[in-house]
Amino acid sequence: MKENAVNFLNQFTFCQILIGLSLPNFVIFLADDLGYGDVGCFGNYSIKTPNIDKLAANGVKLNHHLTAAAVCTPSRAALLTGRYPVRSGMESSSRNKVFFFVAASGGLPENEITIAKALKKKQYTTGIIGKWHLGNDCNKKGDGCHHPLNHGFDYFYGLPLSNFKDLGDEGESVITAYMPNFYTYFTLIPILATVINILIFRKFNFLFILISIIIPTLIPLFLLNLKTINGILMENKEVVEQPVHLKGLTQRLVHKARAFLDKQANEKFPFLLFIPFVHVHTALFCSDEFAGKSKHGRYGDNVEEMDWAVGQVMERLKSLGLYNNTFVYFSSDNGAHIEETGVDGQREGGFNGIFKGGKMMGGMEGGIRVPSIISWSGTTLKGEINYPTSQMDLFPTIMELADIPLPDDRIIDGKSMIPLLNGKSQSSHEFIFHYCGKQIHAATYIQQKDRKSWKIHWTTPKFKPGTNQCEYVCHCFGDFVIHHDPPLLYDLENDPSEANPINISSNSKYSKIIFIVEQARIGHRSKIEEVPDQFSFSNSIWKPWLQPCCNFPYCNCKDDFLTVS
């Protein structure tokens, strides 16, 4: 492992912030499905990201920053709570690893402590502007048990779900992309029902046949209306637009973020502003100002529009005099979705640089290593950290900066990055476990003595022959994966691409590494308590009584403005 490029010992002391000065503000930028190789400061030379690059130039690049999951919903839960998502039931044992409906009852449990909720102890004003995707209601419409306002945020403007392909204008659906033969299955149901009817009843049961025809007809009709069902834009708990108009949405998010900052400039309390972008998840969209301007089609246009949005927020911080006392964090919820393509076959997912794999691929570096930056203009923070860190580390880092003790009634898996940032430590973790669903597929082992990072894979995705990709997404179980006994071992310093597994029998030290990590995995699993599964069938299905609707029965309304200058 290379020497840590950051050394702030005797240059930067956090007590200067905690003693005698006001508490810092926090701005968190979170991209959606942005790949490690999609940003200029992380090696991309063809997509223009000057504002994100400026954050890195004036801050710290986290070169080995890892998400707690390779897909958005559990990853976001972990970032906000500092805990492995399996601890809160935010991991799934089935195909479904995210919430597909706003009107589902699963979500981040009310008893979890988010960064926003914890900061309320110091009277922080908190806002989230962008994509939530951690649930909405539980038992009745409007109870908001999973809503951001019930998790410590004072203000919310954005999507309670996500911008699935169904919300775009190309007629694509995430359901048919996920299951290409979906509609075929339903056309076969009446035929199979007729055959079964004859074999069992020996005569036509017209009611049975009628039901077998109606159900396959209603389900496709339901799915064809997903744009209205899931295309919800909320301000606090009110639906302000349905279906959401994606074009110009980034400009609206920027407008709301600037308005939030304007208000905070006149308040005496510190603030947290969380901006989880809708970009660059499909459906891809951008304003005319950015359309067709990049060298990488619609995907590149989306990255460049997101970069513009980062710049707009940072400029407003400067103009309001908030810049020097604001801790800024930029990251992505997981790696790029490398299998994603558009209707014309053009690639619409990102690029993960030299790292193998991508979104939804368990512990593959391409799915969990994300471009990440910490920037704080009022300090001497500058450089790079090459040792493994986790998005779960953000929670305890912010708690330390805000002088708030960590909760003592639960396990916090993240480690404060402050010792790394001020040069007092070379590494914060010894082991970082990588889940795919509820199973540990891999682990990163940071060997403290030799300052080396090793990667162990017990389970890997089963790729399409001759590729490092799955059909549309990778799954975590059964015939979709390959189990390895002994596990695969990689030296991440010399083989970050995970291309050449080490021959474990060639040296006894490798067997020792495997043994150490195996014991750590057993110890970790022994501390995982059984909790309600938020992705269970009953929590995941669409429940009509929970369906938000802004103008019943039409469920159609527009926000006050669709574009912002």
Protein backbone atom coordinates (compact mmCIF):
# COMPACT_ATOMS: atom_id res chain seq x y z
CA MET A 1 0.00 0.00 0.00
CA LYS A 2 1.29 3.44 -0.86
CA GLU A 3 2.07 5.85 1.95
CA ASN A 4 -0.92 7.87 2.92
CA ALA A 5 -0.67 11.07 0.89
CA VAL A 6 -2.48 13.11 3.52
CA ASN A 7 -0.66 14.29 6.61
CA PHE A 8 -2.25 17.08 8.58
CA LEU A 9 -0.58 16.49 11.93
CA ASN A 10 0.37 19.87 13.43
CA GLN A 11 -1.26 21.54 10.41
CA PHE A 12 -4.92 20.99 11.11
CA THR A 13 -6.58 20.45 14.46
CA PHE A 14 -10.28 19.85 14.75
CA CYS A 15 -10.37 21.40 18.18
CA GLN A 16 -10.13 24.74 16.36
CA ILE A 17 -13.60 23.99 15.07
CA LEU A 18 -14.98 22.50 18.25
CA ILE A 19 -13.59 25.10 20.64
CA GLY A 20 -14.13 28.80 20.15
CA LEU A 21 -15.73 28.61 16.74
CA SER A 22 -19.26 27.79 15.62
CA LEU A 23 -20.15 24.27 14.73
CA PRO A 24 -19.52 23.41 11.07
CA ASN A 25 -22.21 23.14 8.44
CA PHE A 26 -22.45 20.00 6.34
CA VAL A 27 -23.25 19.57 2.65
CA ILE A 28 -23.48 16.02 1.31
CA PHE A 29 -23.58 15.46 -2.44
CA LEU A 30 -24.52 11.90 -3.43
CA ALA A 31 -24.55 10.87 -7.09
CA ASP A 32 -26.64 7.93 -8.27
CA ASP A 33 -24.84 5.12 -10.17
CA LEU A 34 -21.80 7.30 -10.92
CA GLY A 35 -18.77 5.18 -11.83
CA TYR A 36 -15.27 5.60 -10.43
CA GLY A 37 -13.97 6.44 -13.90
CA ASP A 38 -16.65 9.01 -14.77
CA VAL A 39 -15.03 11.98 -13.01
CA GLY A 40 -12.07 14.00 -14.21
CA CYS A 41 -10.11 13.96 -10.96
CA PHE A 42 -10.47 10.17 -10.84
CA GLY A 43 -9.07 9.62 -14.32
CA ASN A 44 -11.71 10.61 -16.88
CA TYR A 45 -10.38 12.92 -19.59
CA SER A 46 -13.43 13.18 -21.84
CA ILE A 47 -16.35 14.08 -19.54
CA LYS A 48 -16.06 17.60 -18.15
CA THR A 49 -16.45 17.76 -14.36
CA PRO A 50 -14.66 21.01 -13.42
CA ASN A 51 -16.71 21.66 -10.28
CA ILE A 52 -16.25 18.21 -8.79
CA ASP A 53 -12.57 18.40 -9.74
CA LYS A 54 -12.34 21.72 -7.89
CA LEU A 55 -13.65 20.04 -4.74
CA ALA A 56 -10.81 17.52 -5.03
CA ALA A 57 -8.19 20.18 -5.76
CA ASN A 58 -9.24 22.05 -2.62
CA GLY A 59 -9.78 18.98 -0.48
CA VAL A 60 -9.04 15.31 -0.01
CA LYS A 61 -9.59 12.55 -2.53
CA LEU A 62 -10.72 9.28 -0.93
CA ASN A 63 -9.17 6.91 -3.46
CA HIS A 64 -10.38 3.71 -1.81
CA HIS A 65 -13.81 4.71 -0.55
CA LEU A 66 -16.32 1.86 -0.38
CA THR A 67 -20.09 1.70 -0.25
CA ALA A 68 -21.78 -0.76 2.12
CA ALA A 69 -23.78 -2.25 -0.76
CA ALA A 70 -23.51 -2.32 -4.54
CA VAL A 71 -27.07 -1.03 -4.98
CA CYS A 72 -28.77 2.17 -3.92
CA THR A 73 -31.39 1.50 -1.23
CA PRO A 74 -29.21 -0.46 1.24
CA SER A 75 -26.21 1.73 0.38
CA ARG A 76 -28.12 4.90 1.27
CA ALA A 77 -29.37 3.39 4.51
CA ALA A 78 -25.79 2.61 5.50
CA LEU A 79 -24.46 6.07 4.62
CA LEU A 80 -27.11 7.80 6.73
CA THR A 81 -26.86 5.49 9.76
CA GLY A 82 -23.21 4.38 9.80
CA ARG A 83 -24.39 0.76 10.01
CA TYR A 84 -24.38 -2.25 7.74
CA PRO A 85 -27.85 -2.22 6.17
CA VAL A 86 -28.50 -5.80 7.23
CA ARG A 87 -28.71 -4.50 10.83
CA SER A 88 -31.82 -2.48 9.96
CA GLY A 89 -33.45 -5.03 7.68
CA MET A 90 -32.45 -3.04 4.62
CA GLU A 91 -30.94 -6.02 2.80
CA SER A 92 -32.84 -8.61 0.80
CA SER A 93 -32.50 -12.36 0.38
CA SER A 94 -34.46 -12.34 -2.91
CA ARG A 95 -34.13 -10.68 -6.32
CA ASN A 96 -35.72 -7.50 -5.04
CA LYS A 97 -32.96 -5.36 -3.49
CA VAL A 98 -34.60 -1.94 -3.87
CA PHE A 99 -38.12 -0.59 -3.44
CA PHE A 100 -40.05 -0.60 -6.72
CA PHE A 101 -43.18 1.22 -5.50
CA VAL A 102 -43.79 4.41 -3.57
CA ALA A 103 -46.89 2.68 -2.18
CA ALA A 104 -44.96 -0.15 -0.52
CA SER A 105 -44.73 -0.42 3.26
CA GLY A 106 -41.03 -1.22 3.62
CA GLY A 107 -38.39 1.37 4.42
CA LEU A 108 -35.78 2.62 6.84
CA PRO A 109 -37.13 1.71 10.31
CA GLU A 110 -38.23 4.54 12.56
CA ASN A 111 -35.85 3.48 15.32
CA GLU A 112 -32.75 4.03 13.15
CA ILE A 113 -30.69 7.14 13.90
CA THR A 114 -29.72 9.03 10.76
CA ILE A 115 -27.12 11.77 10.52
CA ALA A 116 -29.97 14.28 10.34
CA LYS A 117 -31.73 12.91 13.42
CA ALA A 118 -28.51 12.88 15.44
CA LEU A 119 -27.65 16.46 14.47
CA LYS A 120 -30.93 17.68 15.93
CA LYS A 121 -29.24 17.31 19.33
CA LYS A 122 -27.20 20.39 18.41
CA GLN A 123 -30.17 22.22 16.87
CA TYR A 124 -29.04 21.76 13.28
CA THR A 125 -31.47 22.72 10.54
CA THR A 126 -31.63 19.79 8.13
CA GLY A 127 -32.80 19.45 4.55
CA ILE A 128 -32.79 16.80 1.84
CA ILE A 129 -33.24 17.79 -1.79
CA GLY A 130 -33.22 14.98 -4.33
CA LYS A 131 -33.81 11.23 -4.28
CA TRP A 132 -34.77 9.44 -1.04
CA HIS A 133 -35.62 5.79 -1.97
CA LEU A 134 -35.84 4.65 1.66
CA GLY A 135 -39.60 4.26 1.94
CA ASN A 136 -42.63 6.45 2.55
CA ASP A 137 -45.67 5.19 4.50
CA CYS A 138 -46.21 2.09 6.65
CA ASN A 139 -49.80 1.32 7.55
CA LYS A 140 -51.94 4.13 6.24
CA LYS A 141 -51.60 6.83 3.65
CA GLY A 142 -49.78 9.84 5.02
CA ASP A 143 -48.36 8.25 8.17
CA GLY A 144 -44.87 8.97 6.76
CA CYS A 145 -43.14 6.49 9.03
CA HIS A 146 -40.26 6.06 6.54
CA HIS A 147 -40.45 9.60 5.15
CA PRO A 148 -37.41 11.93 5.47
CA LEU A 149 -39.35 14.20 7.85
CA ASN A 150 -39.61 11.25 10.22
CA HIS A 151 -35.86 10.66 10.05
CA GLY A 152 -34.58 14.01 11.26
CA PHE A 153 -35.00 16.18 8.18
CA ASP A 154 -36.86 19.48 8.51
CA TYR A 155 -37.37 19.90 4.77
CA PHE A 156 -37.72 17.56 1.80
CA TYR A 157 -38.08 18.27 -1.89
CA GLY A 158 -37.61 15.44 -4.34
CA LEU A 159 -38.47 11.89 -5.27
CA PRO A 160 -39.54 9.54 -2.46
CA LEU A 161 -38.66 6.65 -4.80
CA SER A 162 -36.28 6.78 -7.78
CA ASN A 163 -36.30 7.76 -11.45
CA PHE A 164 -36.71 4.29 -12.88
CA LYS A 165 -36.67 3.89 -16.66
CA ASP A 166 -40.50 3.92 -16.56
CA LEU A 167 -40.42 7.66 -15.79
CA GLY A 168 -38.64 8.51 -19.03
CA ASP A 169 -40.09 9.24 -22.45
CA GLU A 170 -38.63 6.26 -24.32
CA GLY A 171 -41.29 3.73 -23.32
CA GLU A 172 -38.81 1.59 -21.43
CA SER A 173 -39.54 -0.20 -18.17
CA VAL A 174 -37.27 -1.39 -15.41
CA ILE A 175 -39.62 -4.36 -15.00
CA THR A 176 -39.13 -5.63 -18.56
CA ALA A 177 -35.41 -4.84 -18.40
CA TYR A 178 -35.22 -6.87 -15.19
CA MET A 179 -37.43 -9.67 -16.62
CA PRO A 180 -37.32 -9.53 -20.45
CA ASN A 181 -40.05 -12.17 -20.84
CA PHE A 182 -42.39 -10.56 -18.33
CA TYR A 183 -45.30 -9.91 -20.69
CA THR A 184 -44.88 -13.29 -22.39
CA TYR A 185 -45.48 -14.98 -19.06
CA PHE A 186 -48.83 -13.25 -18.70
CA THR A 187 -49.99 -14.11 -22.20
CA LEU A 188 -49.37 -17.76 -21.37
CA ILE A 189 -51.49 -17.69 -18.21
CA PRO A 190 -54.90 -17.96 -19.95
CA ILE A 191 -53.62 -20.84 -22.09
CA LEU A 192 -52.24 -22.69 -19.07
CA ALA A 193 -55.41 -21.97 -17.10
CA THR A 194 -57.52 -23.49 -19.88
CA VAL A 195 -55.38 -26.62 -19.97
CA ILE A 196 -55.49 -26.96 -16.18
CA ASN A 197 -59.24 -26.35 -16.22
CA ILE A 198 -59.80 -29.21 -18.66
CA LEU A 199 -57.47 -31.59 -16.83
CA ILE A 200 -58.88 -30.91 -13.37
CA PHE A 201 -62.52 -30.00 -13.88
CA ARG A 202 -63.04 -32.07 -17.07
CA LYS A 203 -65.17 -29.20 -18.34
CA PHE A 204 -64.98 -25.43 -18.86
CA ASN A 205 -65.26 -23.45 -15.67
CA PHE A 206 -66.08 -20.05 -17.13
CA LEU A 207 -65.41 -18.13 -13.88
CA PHE A 208 -61.98 -19.73 -13.59
CA ILE A 209 -61.21 -18.88 -17.22
CA LEU A 210 -62.51 -15.31 -16.80
CA ILE A 211 -60.27 -14.69 -13.79
CA SER A 212 -57.30 -16.14 -15.61
CA ILE A 213 -57.88 -13.65 -18.43
CA ILE A 214 -58.65 -10.57 -16.31
CA ILE A 215 -55.59 -10.83 -14.06
CA PRO A 216 -53.03 -11.06 -16.91
CA THR A 217 -54.77 -8.10 -18.53
CA LEU A 218 -54.84 -5.88 -15.44
CA ILE A 219 -51.22 -6.41 -14.44
CA PRO A 220 -49.72 -5.14 -17.72
CA LEU A 221 -52.14 -2.19 -17.62
CA PHE A 222 -50.91 -1.44 -14.10
CA LEU A 223 -47.30 -1.55 -15.23
CA LEU A 224 -48.00 0.71 -18.19
CA ASN A 225 -49.13 3.33 -15.66
CA LEU A 226 -46.02 3.15 -13.48
CA LYS A 227 -45.05 6.62 -14.64
CA THR A 228 -48.04 7.99 -12.73
CA ILE A 229 -47.90 5.48 -9.88
CA ASN A 230 -44.21 6.01 -9.09
CA GLY A 231 -43.46 9.36 -10.70
CA ILE A 232 -44.05 11.30 -7.49
CA LEU A 233 -42.42 14.64 -6.68
CA MET A 234 -42.92 15.78 -3.09
CA GLU A 235 -42.30 18.92 -1.09
CA ASN A 236 -42.27 17.80 2.51
CA LYS A 237 -45.24 15.37 2.58
CA GLU A 238 -47.27 17.01 -0.17
CA VAL A 239 -47.32 15.62 -3.71
CA VAL A 240 -46.55 18.67 -5.86
CA GLU A 241 -46.16 16.92 -9.20
CA GLN A 242 -47.48 13.67 -10.66
CA PRO A 243 -46.13 12.28 -12.89
CA VAL A 244 -42.81 14.04 -12.45
CA HIS A 245 -41.34 15.88 -15.45
CA LEU A 246 -37.69 14.89 -15.49
CA LYS A 247 -36.45 17.52 -17.93
CA GLY A 248 -35.46 20.54 -15.88
CA LEU A 249 -35.62 18.63 -12.59
CA THR A 250 -31.94 19.23 -11.83
CA GLN A 251 -32.49 22.97 -12.21
CA ARG A 252 -35.40 22.76 -9.78
CA LEU A 253 -33.28 20.87 -7.26
CA VAL A 254 -30.60 23.56 -7.52
CA HIS A 255 -33.24 26.28 -7.06
CA LYS A 256 -34.52 24.60 -3.88
CA ALA A 257 -30.98 24.03 -2.57
CA ARG A 258 -30.08 27.69 -3.07
CA ALA A 259 -33.32 28.76 -1.37
CA PHE A 260 -32.48 26.49 1.58
CA LEU A 261 -29.00 28.04 1.86
CA ASP A 262 -30.37 31.57 1.55
CA LYS A 263 -32.60 30.92 4.52
CA GLN A 264 -29.76 29.44 6.58
CA ALA A 265 -27.59 32.50 5.99
CA ASN A 266 -30.00 34.48 8.17
CA GLU A 267 -30.32 31.82 10.88
CA LYS A 268 -28.13 31.34 13.92
CA PHE A 269 -28.17 27.55 13.75
CA PRO A 270 -25.79 25.34 11.75
CA PHE A 271 -27.24 23.19 8.96
CA LEU A 272 -27.04 19.91 7.10
CA LEU A 273 -27.98 19.94 3.41
CA PHE A 274 -28.17 16.48 1.82
CA ILE A 275 -28.39 16.51 -1.98
CA PRO A 276 -28.81 12.96 -3.33
CA PHE A 277 -28.89 13.64 -7.06
CA VAL A 278 -31.29 11.94 -9.44
CA HIS A 279 -28.42 11.82 -11.96
CA VAL A 280 -27.05 9.56 -13.38
CA HIS A 281 -29.61 6.81 -12.82
CA THR A 282 -31.78 5.88 -15.79
CA ALA A 283 -34.07 7.26 -17.06
CA LEU A 284 -31.43 9.68 -18.32
CA PHE A 285 -32.55 13.28 -18.80
CA CYS A 286 -31.11 16.77 -18.91
CA SER A 287 -32.01 20.29 -19.95
CA ASP A 288 -31.40 21.65 -23.45
CA GLU A 289 -28.35 23.48 -22.15
CA PHE A 290 -26.52 20.16 -21.66
CA ALA A 291 -28.16 17.89 -24.23
CA GLY A 292 -25.72 16.66 -26.85
CA LYS A 293 -22.79 18.60 -25.38
CA SER A 294 -20.63 15.79 -23.97
CA LYS A 295 -18.51 13.21 -25.79
CA HIS A 296 -20.36 10.32 -24.14
CA GLY A 297 -23.94 10.67 -25.34
CA ARG A 298 -26.82 11.12 -22.94
CA TYR A 299 -24.88 9.62 -20.06
CA GLY A 300 -22.06 12.14 -20.38
CA ASP A 301 -24.60 14.97 -20.71
CA ASN A 302 -26.13 13.87 -17.41
CA VAL A 303 -22.77 13.78 -15.63
CA GLU A 304 -21.95 17.26 -16.85
CA GLU A 305 -25.32 18.64 -15.76
CA MET A 306 -24.81 17.13 -12.30
CA ASP A 307 -21.36 18.72 -12.14
CA TRP A 308 -22.95 22.07 -13.00
CA ALA A 309 -25.38 21.58 -10.10
CA VAL A 310 -22.49 20.97 -7.69
CA GLY A 311 -20.91 24.20 -8.88
CA GLN A 312 -24.12 26.16 -8.39
CA VAL A 313 -24.46 25.04 -4.78
CA MET A 314 -20.82 25.74 -4.01
CA GLU A 315 -21.07 29.22 -5.54
CA ARG A 316 -24.09 30.00 -3.37
CA LEU A 317 -22.17 28.88 -0.26
CA LYS A 318 -19.41 31.32 -1.20
CA SER A 319 -21.70 34.24 -1.95
CA LEU A 320 -23.49 33.79 1.38
CA GLY A 321 -20.25 33.65 3.37
CA LEU A 322 -20.88 30.02 4.41
CA TYR A 323 -18.09 28.44 2.39
CA ASN A 324 -15.24 28.36 4.90
CA ASN A 325 -17.25 26.79 7.69
CA THR A 326 -18.90 24.07 5.58
CA PHE A 327 -17.69 20.49 5.46
CA VAL A 328 -18.48 19.14 1.97
CA TYR A 329 -18.66 15.46 1.07
CA PHE A 330 -19.13 14.10 -2.46
CA SER A 331 -19.67 10.44 -3.32
CA SER A 332 -21.83 7.98 -5.28
CA ASP A 333 -24.30 5.46 -3.88
CA ASN A 334 -22.65 2.59 -5.80
CA GLY A 335 -20.58 1.93 -8.89
CA ALA A 336 -21.74 2.35 -12.46
CA HIS A 337 -24.42 0.12 -13.96
CA ILE A 338 -22.27 -1.32 -16.72
CA GLU A 339 -25.06 -3.39 -18.34
CA GLU A 340 -27.39 -0.42 -18.84
CA THR A 341 -28.26 0.46 -22.45
CA GLY A 342 -30.88 2.64 -24.13
CA VAL A 343 -33.53 1.81 -26.72
CA ASP A 344 -30.99 2.39 -29.48
CA GLY A 345 -28.45 0.07 -27.87
CA GLN A 346 -26.24 2.97 -26.79
CA ARG A 347 -24.50 2.47 -23.47
CA GLU A 348 -26.27 4.46 -20.77
CA GLY A 349 -24.34 3.27 -17.77
CA GLY A 350 -21.03 4.60 -16.51
CA PHE A 351 -17.43 3.46 -16.38
CA ASN A 352 -15.68 2.03 -13.34
CA GLY A 353 -12.12 2.60 -14.50
CA ILE A 354 -9.78 -0.29 -13.91
CA PHE A 355 -12.11 -1.96 -11.42
CA LYS A 356 -13.98 -5.15 -12.29
CA GLY A 357 -17.75 -5.35 -12.04
CA GLY A 358 -20.38 -2.76 -11.28
CA LYS A 359 -23.73 -2.02 -9.71
CA MET A 360 -25.45 -4.94 -7.91
CA MET A 361 -22.33 -7.12 -8.05
CA GLY A 362 -21.85 -7.84 -4.35
CA GLY A 363 -18.24 -7.25 -3.39
CA MET A 364 -16.67 -6.54 -6.79
CA GLU A 365 -14.57 -3.37 -6.62
CA GLY A 366 -16.41 -1.82 -9.57
CA GLY A 367 -19.67 -2.02 -7.67
CA ILE A 368 -18.48 -0.67 -4.33
CA ARG A 369 -15.46 1.59 -4.92
CA VAL A 370 -16.81 5.05 -5.69
CA PRO A 371 -15.33 8.49 -6.50
CA SER A 372 -15.38 10.38 -3.21
CA ILE A 373 -14.08 13.70 -1.91
CA ILE A 374 -14.00 15.66 1.35
CA SER A 375 -13.54 19.41 0.96
CA TRP A 376 -13.42 22.08 3.64
CA SER A 377 -12.14 25.41 2.45
CA GLY A 378 -11.69 26.92 5.90
CA THR A 379 -9.10 24.28 6.85
CA THR A 380 -5.81 22.94 5.49
CA LEU A 381 -7.38 19.67 4.32
CA LYS A 382 -5.68 18.74 1.10
CA GLY A 383 -4.26 15.61 -0.51
CA GLU A 384 -5.28 11.99 -0.94
CA ILE A 385 -6.11 9.01 1.25
CA ASN A 386 -5.27 5.68 -0.33
CA TYR A 387 -6.33 3.43 2.54
CA PRO A 388 -9.78 1.81 2.51
CA THR A 389 -12.55 3.87 4.02
CA SER A 390 -16.30 3.33 4.04
CA GLN A 391 -19.35 5.49 3.45
CA MET A 392 -20.45 4.28 6.88
CA ASP A 393 -17.56 6.36 8.23
CA LEU A 394 -19.39 9.58 7.38
CA PHE A 395 -21.80 9.19 10.31
CA PRO A 396 -19.16 8.99 13.09
CA THR A 397 -17.01 11.62 11.34
CA ILE A 398 -19.86 14.14 11.36
CA MET A 399 -20.76 13.21 14.93
CA GLU A 400 -17.21 13.97 16.05
CA LEU A 401 -17.13 17.27 14.21
CA ALA A 402 -20.48 18.27 15.74
CA ASP A 403 -19.30 17.13 19.18
CA ILE A 404 -22.10 14.57 19.51
CA PRO A 405 -21.38 11.21 21.20
CA LEU A 406 -22.15 8.09 19.19
CA PRO A 407 -25.30 6.17 20.19
CA ASP A 408 -24.52 3.62 22.88
CA ASP A 409 -27.59 1.43 22.29
CA ARG A 410 -26.51 0.04 18.91
CA ILE A 411 -23.45 -0.97 16.94
CA ILE A 412 -22.04 1.73 14.67
CA ASP A 413 -19.92 0.03 12.02
CA GLY A 414 -18.35 3.18 10.60
CA LYS A 415 -15.15 4.66 11.99
CA SER A 416 -14.43 8.36 12.25
CA MET A 417 -12.12 9.52 9.47
CA ILE A 418 -10.74 12.37 11.57
CA PRO A 419 -7.65 10.41 12.70
CA LEU A 420 -6.93 9.75 9.02
CA LEU A 421 -7.53 13.35 8.03
CA ASN A 422 -5.27 14.83 10.69
CA GLY A 423 -2.51 12.26 10.15
CA LYS A 424 -2.81 10.46 13.48
CA SER A 425 -3.71 7.13 11.92
CA GLN A 426 -2.95 5.21 8.75
CA SER A 427 -6.19 3.24 8.68
CA SER A 428 -9.56 3.28 10.40
CA HIS A 429 -10.77 -0.25 9.61
CA GLU A 430 -9.20 -3.67 9.84
CA PHE A 431 -12.07 -5.49 8.11
CA ILE A 432 -14.82 -4.20 5.83
CA PHE A 433 -17.42 -6.81 4.87
CA HIS A 434 -19.22 -6.71 1.54
CA TYR A 435 -22.77 -7.99 1.48
CA CYS A 436 -24.82 -9.08 -1.46
CA GLY A 437 -28.31 -9.25 -0.03
CA LYS A 438 -28.06 -10.84 3.41
CA GLN A 439 -24.94 -12.85 2.62
CA ILE A 440 -21.31 -11.75 2.89
CA HIS A 441 -19.77 -12.29 -0.53
CA ALA A 442 -16.41 -10.64 0.09
CA ALA A 443 -14.26 -8.74 2.58
CA THR A 444 -11.47 -6.19 2.52
CA TYR A 445 -8.71 -6.88 5.05
CA ILE A 446 -6.40 -4.00 5.92
CA GLN A 447 -3.25 -5.56 7.34
CA GLN A 448 -2.10 -2.99 9.86
CA LYS A 449 1.50 -4.15 10.22
CA ASP A 450 2.37 -4.19 6.53
CA ARG A 451 -0.14 -1.50 5.51
CA LYS A 452 -1.49 -3.76 2.80
CA SER A 453 -5.05 -4.29 1.64
CA TRP A 454 -6.28 -7.73 0.70
CA LYS A 455 -9.57 -8.73 -0.90
CA ILE A 456 -11.24 -12.08 -0.20
CA HIS A 457 -14.18 -13.38 -2.27
CA TRP A 458 -16.27 -16.29 -1.05
CA THR A 459 -18.90 -15.70 -3.72
CA THR A 460 -18.80 -13.94 -7.08
CA PRO A 461 -21.40 -13.27 -9.80
CA LYS A 462 -21.78 -15.73 -12.65
CA PHE A 463 -21.03 -13.56 -15.67
CA LYS A 464 -22.14 -14.06 -19.22
CA PRO A 465 -19.47 -16.13 -21.02
CA GLY A 466 -16.52 -14.05 -22.14
CA THR A 467 -17.64 -10.93 -20.23
CA ASN A 468 -17.57 -9.34 -16.78
CA GLN A 469 -21.29 -8.58 -16.95
CA CYS A 470 -24.62 -10.18 -16.11
CA GLU A 471 -27.74 -10.02 -18.28
CA TYR A 472 -29.15 -6.79 -16.86
CA VAL A 473 -28.34 -7.05 -13.17
CA CYS A 474 -26.54 -9.64 -11.08
CA HIS A 475 -28.34 -11.59 -8.37
CA CYS A 476 -26.94 -12.80 -5.07
CA PHE A 477 -28.01 -16.43 -4.80
CA GLY A 478 -28.54 -19.83 -6.41
CA ASP A 479 -27.37 -20.38 -9.97
CA PHE A 480 -26.64 -16.67 -10.37
CA VAL A 481 -23.42 -16.92 -8.32
CA ILE A 482 -20.25 -19.01 -8.00
CA HIS A 483 -19.03 -20.12 -4.57
CA HIS A 484 -15.29 -20.44 -3.98
CA ASP A 485 -13.67 -22.88 -1.55
CA PRO A 486 -11.00 -21.87 -0.79
CA PRO A 487 -12.02 -18.25 -1.37
CA LEU A 488 -10.34 -16.06 -3.96
CA LEU A 489 -7.58 -13.80 -2.62
CA TYR A 490 -6.31 -10.61 -4.25
CA ASP A 491 -3.53 -8.16 -3.37
CA LEU A 492 -5.32 -4.87 -4.04
CA GLU A 493 -2.10 -2.86 -4.19
CA ASN A 494 -0.65 -4.89 -7.05
CA ASP A 495 -3.90 -6.15 -8.55
CA PRO A 496 -6.66 -3.55 -7.98
CA SER A 497 -8.53 -4.92 -11.00
CA GLU A 498 -8.97 -8.27 -9.25
CA ALA A 499 -7.70 -10.00 -12.38
CA ASN A 500 -5.25 -12.52 -10.93
CA PRO A 501 -6.25 -14.49 -7.82
CA ILE A 502 -3.32 -15.52 -5.68
CA ASN A 503 -2.36 -19.17 -5.46
CA ILE A 504 -3.03 -19.64 -1.75
CA SER A 505 -0.98 -22.84 -1.54
CA SER A 506 2.13 -21.03 -2.80
CA ASN A 507 2.86 -19.48 0.59
CA SER A 508 1.64 -20.20 4.10
CA LYS A 509 1.08 -16.49 4.76
CA TYR A 510 -1.84 -16.53 2.33
CA SER A 511 -3.54 -19.35 4.22
CA LYS A 512 -3.04 -17.35 7.39
CA ILE A 513 -4.71 -14.32 5.83
CA ILE A 514 -7.69 -16.44 4.82
CA PHE A 515 -7.94 -17.88 8.33
CA ILE A 516 -7.79 -14.43 9.96
CA VAL A 517 -10.54 -13.06 7.74
CA GLU A 518 -12.69 -16.19 8.15
CA GLN A 519 -12.55 -15.78 11.92
CA ALA A 520 -13.41 -12.09 11.60
CA ARG A 521 -16.39 -12.94 9.41
CA ILE A 522 -17.67 -15.44 11.97
CA GLY A 523 -17.26 -12.85 14.73
CA HIS A 524 -19.05 -10.22 12.72
CA ARG A 525 -21.97 -12.47 11.84
CA SER A 526 -22.39 -13.40 15.50
CA LYS A 527 -23.23 -9.75 16.21
CA ILE A 528 -25.91 -9.47 13.53
CA GLU A 529 -29.32 -9.62 15.16
CA GLU A 530 -32.44 -10.82 13.36
CA VAL A 531 -34.68 -7.85 12.50
CA PRO A 532 -37.82 -7.46 10.36
CA ASP A 533 -37.10 -7.79 6.65
CA GLN A 534 -38.02 -4.52 4.95
CA PHE A 535 -37.88 -6.28 1.56
CA SER A 536 -40.26 -9.09 2.44
CA PHE A 537 -43.05 -9.78 -0.04
CA SER A 538 -45.62 -8.03 2.16
CA ASN A 539 -43.39 -4.97 2.56
CA SER A 540 -42.45 -4.76 -1.12
CA ILE A 541 -45.75 -5.16 -2.98
CA TRP A 542 -47.82 -2.23 -4.18
CA LYS A 543 -50.58 -1.36 -1.73
CA PRO A 544 -53.29 0.81 -3.30
CA TRP A 545 -54.35 2.28 0.07
CA LEU A 546 -50.83 3.76 0.41
CA GLN A 547 -50.73 5.25 -3.09
CA PRO A 548 -50.01 9.02 -3.08
CA CYS A 549 -52.30 10.96 -5.40
CA CYS A 550 -52.24 14.73 -5.77
CA ASN A 551 -55.62 15.20 -7.46
CA PHE A 552 -57.79 12.15 -6.83
CA PRO A 553 -58.92 10.37 -8.91
CA TYR A 554 -56.81 11.86 -11.73
CA CYS A 555 -53.46 11.79 -9.91
CA ASN A 556 -52.16 14.48 -12.23
CA CYS A 557 -50.68 17.82 -11.22
CA LYS A 558 -47.76 20.09 -12.04
CA ASP A 559 -45.28 21.86 -9.84
CA ASP A 560 -45.38 25.65 -9.72
CA PHE A 561 -42.58 25.75 -12.26
CA LEU A 562 -41.18 23.14 -14.60
CA THR A 563 -37.99 25.00 -15.47
CA VAL A 564 -35.86 27.42 -13.54
CA SER A 565 -33.58 29.97 -15.12
